[in-house]
Protein backbone atom coordinates (compact mmCIF):
# COMPACT_ATOMS: atom_id res chain seq x y z
CA MET A 1 160.43 8.49 142.75
CA ILE A 2 164.12 8.03 143.52
CA ASP A 3 166.28 10.94 144.59
CA SER A 4 168.05 12.67 141.70
CA LYS A 5 171.36 12.01 143.46
CA GLN A 6 170.89 8.34 142.57
CA ILE A 7 171.01 9.08 138.83
CA PRO A 8 174.86 8.75 138.54
CA TYR A 9 174.75 5.32 140.19
CA LEU A 10 171.98 4.13 137.89
CA LEU A 11 173.82 5.31 134.80
CA ARG A 12 176.88 3.27 135.80
CA LEU A 13 174.72 0.16 135.46
CA VAL A 14 173.65 0.92 131.91
CA ASP A 15 176.19 -1.58 130.54
CA ASP A 16 174.94 -4.38 132.79
CA GLU A 17 174.15 -7.47 130.75
CA SER A 18 171.16 -8.48 132.87
CA SER A 19 167.85 -7.66 131.18
CA GLU A 20 166.19 -7.38 134.58
CA VAL A 21 168.70 -4.75 135.68
CA GLN A 22 168.24 -2.88 132.40
CA GLU A 23 164.46 -2.83 132.81
CA LYS A 24 164.77 -1.64 136.41
CA ILE A 25 167.10 1.23 135.44
CA PHE A 26 164.88 2.27 132.55
CA ALA A 27 161.78 2.28 134.77
CA GLU A 28 163.46 4.29 137.53
CA LEU A 29 164.89 6.93 135.20
CA ALA A 30 161.66 7.17 133.21
CA LEU A 31 159.86 8.29 136.38
CA PHE A 32 161.57 11.67 136.07
CA GLY A 33 159.61 12.33 132.90
CA PRO A 34 160.73 15.26 130.71
CA SER A 35 162.65 16.71 133.68
CA LEU A 36 165.30 13.97 133.37
CA LYS A 37 167.55 16.01 131.09
CA ASP A 38 167.35 18.99 133.48
CA GLU A 39 168.31 16.80 136.42
CA ILE A 40 171.33 15.47 134.52
CA LYS A 41 172.41 19.02 133.66
CA LYS A 42 172.15 20.08 137.30
CA LEU A 43 174.48 17.25 138.27
CA SER A 44 176.95 18.22 135.49
CA LEU A 45 177.31 14.58 134.52
CA PRO A 46 179.72 13.73 131.67
CA LEU A 47 177.94 10.99 129.72
CA THR A 48 179.52 8.27 127.63
CA SER A 49 178.11 7.64 124.16
CA VAL A 50 176.27 4.55 125.45
CA GLN A 51 174.78 6.52 128.34
CA SER A 52 173.74 9.35 126.01
CA GLN A 53 171.96 6.91 123.70
CA TYR A 54 170.25 5.33 126.71
CA ILE A 55 169.08 8.67 128.09
CA ASN A 56 167.91 9.74 124.64
CA GLN A 57 165.83 6.56 124.35
CA ILE A 58 164.18 7.26 127.72
CA TYR A 59 163.68 10.89 126.80
CA GLN A 60 162.01 9.99 123.50
CA THR A 61 159.60 7.72 125.36
CA ASN A 62 158.84 10.43 127.88
CA LYS A 63 158.40 13.02 125.14
CA LEU A 64 155.54 11.07 123.58
CA ASP A 65 153.62 11.26 126.86
CA TRP A 66 154.65 14.88 127.37
CA LEU A 67 153.44 15.86 123.89
CA LYS A 68 150.02 14.29 124.43
CA GLN A 69 149.65 16.05 127.79
CA ILE A 70 150.77 19.53 126.74
CA TRP A 71 149.32 19.61 123.20
CA PRO A 72 145.86 20.97 124.21
CA SER A 73 147.39 23.98 126.01
CA TRP A 74 147.81 26.14 122.90
CA PHE A 75 144.10 25.98 122.07
CA GLU A 76 143.39 28.04 125.21
CA LEU A 77 145.42 31.04 124.04
CA LYS A 78 143.34 34.00 122.88
CA ASP A 79 145.52 35.80 120.31
CA ASP A 80 145.91 33.98 116.99
CA TYR A 81 149.64 34.71 116.69
CA GLN A 82 150.14 33.44 120.24
CA LYS A 83 148.26 30.28 119.30
CA LEU A 84 150.50 29.80 116.29
CA GLU A 85 153.65 30.31 118.34
CA GLY A 86 152.34 28.11 121.16
CA ALA A 87 151.68 25.14 118.88
CA LEU A 88 154.95 25.55 116.96
CA THR A 89 156.88 25.83 120.24
CA ILE A 90 155.42 22.53 121.44
CA LEU A 91 156.32 20.83 118.15
CA SER A 92 159.83 22.33 118.21
CA ASP A 93 160.46 21.19 121.78
CA PHE A 94 159.27 17.74 120.79
CA LEU A 95 161.45 17.55 117.67
CA ASN A 96 164.60 18.88 119.41
CA ASN A 97 167.23 16.52 120.78
CA TYR A 98 167.08 15.72 124.49
CA ASP A 99 170.12 17.88 125.27
CA SER A 100 168.86 20.95 123.43
CA THR A 101 168.64 24.19 125.42
CA ILE A 102 167.30 26.27 122.54
CA SER A 103 164.20 28.38 123.15
CA LEU A 104 162.04 29.25 120.15
CA LYS A 105 160.76 32.36 121.93
CA ARG A 106 164.32 33.53 122.54
CA LEU A 107 165.30 32.97 118.90
CA LEU A 108 162.31 34.96 117.64
CA ASP A 109 162.96 37.73 120.18
CA VAL A 110 166.58 38.00 119.06
CA LEU A 111 165.58 38.29 115.39
CA ALA A 112 163.14 41.07 116.25
CA ILE A 113 165.77 42.92 118.30
CA GLN A 114 168.36 42.57 115.55
CA TYR A 115 165.92 43.96 113.02
CA LYS A 116 165.14 46.98 115.20
CA THR A 117 168.82 47.76 115.73
CA ARG A 118 169.53 47.69 111.98
CA HIS A 119 166.35 49.22 110.57
CA ARG A 120 164.50 52.16 112.03
CA LEU A 121 161.44 51.73 109.82
CA LYS A 122 158.96 48.98 110.61
CA ASP A 123 158.05 47.63 107.19
CA GLU A 124 156.89 44.17 106.09
CA ARG A 125 158.94 44.16 102.89
CA MET A 126 162.05 45.34 104.72
CA LEU A 127 161.57 42.59 107.32
CA ALA A 128 161.36 40.02 104.51
CA ARG A 129 164.61 41.36 103.09
CA PHE A 130 166.21 41.22 106.55
CA LEU A 131 165.22 37.60 107.20
CA PHE A 132 165.71 36.11 103.74
CA LYS A 133 168.58 38.22 102.43
CA GLU A 134 170.56 39.60 105.38
CA LYS A 135 170.04 36.65 107.75
CA GLY A 136 170.06 34.13 104.91
CA LEU A 137 167.00 32.02 105.75
CA GLN A 138 166.20 30.00 102.64
CA GLY A 139 164.23 27.11 101.23
CA ASP A 140 165.63 23.63 101.84
CA GLU A 141 165.55 22.08 98.38
CA PHE A 142 167.88 19.17 99.20
CA ASP A 143 166.10 17.64 102.21
CA TYR A 144 162.65 19.14 101.77
CA TYR A 145 160.76 16.34 103.54
CA SER A 146 162.89 16.22 106.68
CA PRO A 147 160.67 16.43 109.82
CA GLN A 148 163.11 19.02 111.17
CA ASN A 149 161.92 21.46 108.53
CA CYS A 150 158.76 21.76 110.66
CA ASN A 151 160.89 22.56 113.73
CA LEU A 152 161.22 26.36 113.91
CA THR A 153 164.26 26.27 116.22
CA TYR A 154 166.00 24.11 113.62
CA VAL A 155 164.81 26.35 110.78
CA ILE A 156 166.19 29.49 112.43
CA CYS A 157 169.48 27.93 113.57
CA GLU A 158 170.17 26.09 110.30
CA LYS A 159 168.70 28.92 108.20
CA LYS A 160 166.64 26.62 106.01
CA GLY A 161 163.10 25.30 105.92
CA ILE A 162 159.97 24.71 103.88
CA PRO A 163 157.47 27.40 102.80
CA ILE A 164 155.16 27.14 105.80
CA SER A 165 157.92 27.10 108.44
CA LEU A 166 159.76 30.05 106.88
CA ALA A 167 156.46 31.90 106.59
CA SER A 168 155.74 31.23 110.27
CA VAL A 169 159.10 32.70 111.29
CA TYR A 170 158.31 35.78 109.18
CA MET A 171 154.83 36.14 110.71
CA LEU A 172 155.98 35.69 114.32
CA VAL A 173 158.92 38.08 114.07
CA GLY A 174 156.59 40.55 112.39
CA TYR A 175 154.12 40.14 115.25
CA ARG A 176 156.83 41.20 117.71
CA LEU A 177 157.42 44.33 115.64
CA GLY A 178 153.75 45.24 115.42
CA LEU A 179 153.48 44.27 111.75
CA HIS A 180 150.45 42.52 110.29
CA ILE A 181 151.53 39.55 108.18
CA GLU A 182 148.96 36.91 107.24
CA GLY A 183 149.27 33.40 105.91
CA CYS A 184 147.92 32.50 102.47
CA HIS A 185 146.61 28.95 102.03
CA PHE A 186 147.95 28.69 98.46
CA PRO A 187 147.64 25.15 97.04
CA GLY A 188 150.95 23.31 97.23
CA HIS A 189 153.04 26.31 98.27
CA PHE A 190 152.33 28.35 101.40
CA LEU A 191 152.66 32.14 100.97
CA THR A 192 152.25 35.20 103.18
CA ARG A 193 150.10 38.22 102.48
CA ILE A 194 150.86 41.83 103.38
CA ASN A 195 149.36 45.24 102.65
CA HIS A 196 151.71 47.61 100.87
CA LYS A 197 150.49 51.15 100.19
CA GLY A 198 146.88 50.03 100.32
CA ARG A 199 147.42 47.10 97.97
CA ARG A 200 147.80 43.46 98.86
CA VAL A 201 150.97 41.69 97.76
CA PHE A 202 152.36 38.27 98.55
CA ILE A 203 155.74 37.20 99.90
CA ASP A 204 157.25 33.84 98.92
CA CYS A 205 159.45 33.06 101.93
CA PHE A 206 160.81 29.89 100.32
CA SER A 207 162.17 31.92 97.39
CA ALA A 208 164.27 34.44 99.33
CA GLY A 209 161.29 36.64 100.21
CA GLN A 210 160.27 37.24 96.62
CA ILE A 211 157.44 39.76 96.23
CA ILE A 212 154.57 38.45 94.08
CA GLN A 213 151.70 40.49 92.70
CA PRO A 214 148.16 38.97 92.72
CA GLU A 215 147.92 39.05 88.92
CA ASP A 216 151.12 37.00 88.65
CA ILE A 217 149.62 34.30 90.86
CA LEU A 218 146.45 34.22 88.77
CA ASP A 219 148.54 33.78 85.63
CA LEU A 220 150.59 31.04 87.32
CA ARG A 221 147.53 28.94 88.18
CA SER A 222 145.18 29.83 85.34
CA ASP A 223 143.86 26.25 85.49
CA ILE A 224 141.96 27.06 88.71
CA GLN A 225 141.51 30.78 88.20
CA ASP A 226 137.81 30.63 89.07
CA GLY A 227 138.53 29.76 92.70
CA MET A 228 141.96 31.36 93.05
CA GLU A 229 140.68 34.82 93.94
CA GLU A 230 138.87 33.38 96.96
CA ILE A 231 142.04 31.57 98.07
CA LEU A 232 144.09 34.76 97.83
CA GLU A 233 141.52 36.67 99.91
CA GLU A 234 140.81 33.94 102.47
CA LYS A 235 141.59 34.77 106.10
CA ILE A 236 143.20 31.77 107.74
CA ASN A 237 143.84 31.24 111.42
CA ALA A 238 146.45 29.42 113.49
CA GLU A 239 144.48 26.17 113.40
CA VAL A 240 144.60 26.08 109.59
CA ILE A 241 148.36 26.66 109.58
CA ILE A 242 149.05 24.03 112.25
CA ARG A 243 146.81 21.57 110.41
CA ARG A 244 149.03 21.99 107.37
CA VAL A 245 152.22 21.65 109.47
CA LEU A 246 150.93 18.38 110.93
CA ALA A 247 150.08 17.13 107.44
CA ASN A 248 153.68 17.82 106.44
CA LEU A 249 154.95 15.90 109.48
CA VAL A 250 152.70 12.93 108.69
CA ARG A 251 154.08 12.85 105.16
CA ALA A 252 157.68 13.25 106.34
CA TYR A 253 157.47 10.34 108.76
CA GLN A 254 155.67 8.18 106.21
CA MET A 255 158.55 8.72 103.82
CA LEU A 256 160.94 7.69 106.60
CA GLU A 257 158.73 4.64 107.22
CA ASN A 258 158.44 5.66 110.87
CA SER A 259 154.93 4.40 111.57
CA GLU A 260 154.97 5.30 115.28
CA MET A 261 155.71 8.97 114.64
CA SER A 262 153.42 9.10 111.62
CA GLU A 263 150.51 7.73 113.65
CA LEU A 264 151.28 10.17 116.47
CA MET A 265 151.03 13.12 114.07
CA VAL A 266 147.85 11.72 112.54
CA GLY A 267 146.46 11.61 116.09
CA LEU A 268 147.31 15.28 116.66
CA PHE A 269 145.83 16.10 113.25
CA GLN A 270 142.56 14.37 114.13
CA ASP A 271 142.50 15.96 117.60
CA LEU A 272 142.86 19.40 116.01
CA ASP A 273 140.01 18.75 113.59
CA MET A 274 137.79 17.53 116.43
CA ARG A 275 138.51 20.57 118.62
CA VAL A 276 137.95 23.02 115.77
CA ALA A 277 134.67 21.35 114.83
CA HIS A 278 133.51 21.33 118.48
CA LYS A 279 134.42 24.98 118.90
CA ARG A 280 132.57 26.07 115.75
CA ILE A 281 129.29 24.22 116.31
CA PRO A 282 127.79 26.73 118.80
CA GLU A 283 128.64 29.58 116.40
CA LEU A 284 127.04 28.02 113.31
CA SER A 285 123.56 28.54 111.97
CA PRO A 286 121.52 25.44 111.02
CA ASP A 287 122.20 26.13 107.33
CA GLU A 288 125.96 26.36 107.94
CA ILE A 289 125.96 23.09 109.84
CA ILE A 290 124.22 21.37 106.92
CA ILE A 291 126.33 23.02 104.19
CA ASP A 292 129.57 22.89 106.19
CA VAL A 293 132.94 24.06 104.88
CA GLY A 294 133.82 24.08 101.18
CA PRO A 295 136.40 21.72 99.67
CA GLN A 296 140.05 22.54 100.28
CA LEU A 297 141.34 20.16 97.57
CA GLU A 298 140.58 20.01 93.85
CA PRO A 299 140.46 17.65 90.86
CA GLY A 300 143.91 17.00 89.44
CA LEU A 301 145.64 17.19 92.81
CA VAL A 302 147.89 14.24 93.66
CA VAL A 303 147.19 13.10 97.21
CA GLN A 304 148.13 10.50 99.78
CA HIS A 305 145.86 8.79 102.29
CA ALA A 306 146.96 10.04 105.74
CA ARG A 307 146.48 6.70 107.46
CA LEU A 308 146.67 4.02 104.76
CA GLY A 309 149.46 5.65 102.78
CA TYR A 310 148.34 4.92 99.23
CA ARG A 311 148.78 7.59 96.55
CA GLY A 312 146.19 8.74 94.03
CA ILE A 313 144.68 11.64 92.15
CA ILE A 314 141.42 13.47 92.83
CA VAL A 315 139.05 13.13 89.91
CA GLU A 316 135.76 14.42 91.39
CA VAL A 317 134.69 16.41 94.48
CA ASP A 318 131.46 16.21 96.50
CA THR A 319 130.83 19.04 98.94
CA ARG A 320 129.29 16.47 101.26
CA TYR A 321 128.87 12.70 101.45
CA LYS A 322 126.78 11.42 98.52
CA THR A 323 127.31 7.71 98.04
CA VAL A 324 124.93 4.92 99.03
CA GLU A 325 123.96 4.33 102.67
CA LYS A 326 124.94 0.67 102.73
CA TRP A 327 128.53 1.46 101.74
CA ASN A 328 128.92 3.95 104.58
CA ASP A 329 127.62 1.52 107.19
CA GLY A 330 130.46 -0.82 106.37
CA ASN A 331 133.09 1.91 106.23
CA LYS A 332 133.92 2.41 109.91
CA THR A 333 137.34 3.98 109.29
CA GLU A 334 136.13 7.20 107.71
CA TYR A 335 135.00 10.49 109.22
CA SER A 336 131.77 12.48 109.42
CA ARG A 337 129.81 13.05 106.24
CA ARG A 338 129.65 16.79 107.02
CA GLN A 339 132.81 17.58 105.10
CA PRO A 340 133.93 17.34 101.46
CA TRP A 341 134.44 13.84 100.04
CA TYR A 342 136.64 12.95 97.08
CA HIS A 343 136.66 10.32 94.35
CA VAL A 344 140.30 9.23 94.04
CA LEU A 345 141.96 7.11 91.35
CA VAL A 346 144.34 4.85 93.29
CA HIS A 347 147.87 4.67 91.86
CA ASP A 348 149.08 1.42 90.33
CA SER A 349 145.66 -0.23 90.44
CA ASP A 350 142.23 -0.06 88.81
CA GLN A 351 140.56 1.03 92.06
CA VAL A 352 138.60 4.21 92.78
CA THR A 353 138.09 5.18 96.43
CA TYR A 354 135.72 7.60 98.11
CA VAL A 355 137.61 9.46 100.84
CA ALA A 356 136.82 12.14 103.42
CA GLU A 357 138.89 15.33 103.22
CA ALA A 358 140.27 14.77 106.73
CA ASN A 359 142.01 11.64 105.45
CA LEU A 360 143.80 13.21 102.48
CA LEU A 361 147.21 14.91 102.32
CA GLU A 362 148.69 16.64 99.30
CA ASP A 363 151.50 14.56 97.78
CA PHE A 364 154.66 16.38 96.70
CA SER A 365 156.77 13.38 95.70
CA ASN A 366 156.45 14.04 91.92
CA LEU A 367 156.45 10.27 91.40
CA GLU A 368 154.68 8.76 88.39
CA LEU A 369 150.97 7.99 88.60
CA LYS A 370 149.44 4.95 86.94
CA HIS A 371 145.72 4.22 86.56
CA PRO A 372 143.73 2.95 83.55
CA LEU A 373 141.29 5.90 83.82
CA LEU A 374 143.95 8.60 84.16
CA SER A 375 144.00 9.50 80.46
CA TYR A 376 140.21 9.40 80.27
CA PHE A 377 139.65 12.08 82.94
CA PHE A 378 142.81 14.15 82.55
CA ASP A 379 144.69 15.81 79.72
CA SER A 380 148.42 15.22 79.44
CA PRO A 381 150.26 16.78 82.41
CA GLN A 382 151.47 20.34 81.88
CA GLU A 383 154.50 21.24 83.99
CA GLY A 384 153.64 18.36 86.30
CA LEU A 385 149.98 19.42 86.71
CA TYR A 386 147.07 17.17 85.73
CA ILE A 387 144.28 19.12 84.03
CA ARG A 388 140.74 17.74 84.42
CA ASN A 389 138.95 17.46 81.07
CA ASN A 390 135.20 17.60 80.39
CA ASN A 391 134.50 13.86 80.58
CA PRO A 392 131.74 13.56 83.21
CA TRP A 393 132.07 11.54 86.37
CA PRO A 394 129.40 8.77 86.36
CA SER A 395 126.26 9.08 88.45
CA PRO A 396 126.56 7.52 91.93
CA ASP A 397 123.66 5.16 91.27
CA PHE A 398 125.64 1.96 91.84
């Protein structure tokens, strides 16, 4: 590697018209890896706009390699809150600009210190009021699908985010204060769960820290009331939360038509699923391995294929793979059968696909759905929700 003192001389050649010179400069500077921005700061170099764009391009290339190398590190952490913060810190560092000096840990520490100086009582509801009223963190309704809404340094500095990122800030600040705040894997809208005077209540961080009683949630989603109680009680870990964050990033980059970044996030998503599955296998009984985990999605949910991008609606759920053997042999793009599989009506076509859960993301675009069987399997949408009727799904003997 060249000496860092050579960096100023290389940057002066950025405007050179020779492609060979440009390639040589890029290769030399890229050897510094993620440390390039630190070396430039040490030298106190004033950069022109062209030089800044050039360095940013190199830094973005280096960050892809850096992300792949450092990503597995958070799995080794023991405490679940530390895992959550570790993964979100990596994603934040990746999503930040090359010249950013912001530390997520420092931002969370400051919020915890500020709370302690203003409030003597450690209380989950009071912390929610502090973050979402006094500090003004709020839901970003205007640019909801921006990738930066998954960047916690951006969320804290800009005071806006999506439900899961705002909930993560709340949980991690609470962790520093010794408070126990859990995530709630609510369909389509991530919530947090706390214990107040021996009774569980829920905090909607996207809606200014609104306190929600369990009975209100059950009334809100009466269409799936049979399974809602289990969702409200379910204990979720850092891996579940990060899986959902990655799904949001995949969707965000798909909407931006940034295939490189979308595929990168799909890769992290798949890596997470593989590591979780590998970790669980030694702990499972034979029956659990056969039965596997229950479905996380439901009929009537609008989804998007994580890799192929098409939209559709779930019409039927199989707790495990059930279609014919010959079809599976030719379907090399799908995942293991030991997970839920879904029959999906594909938007703007007459097709029905059979898709593994690992390949489906919830779709929040609110765009129109078209399929000739839509009205046969679903009643007219109520408040944007498709309600599955009693028309049976045909037997898989085809």
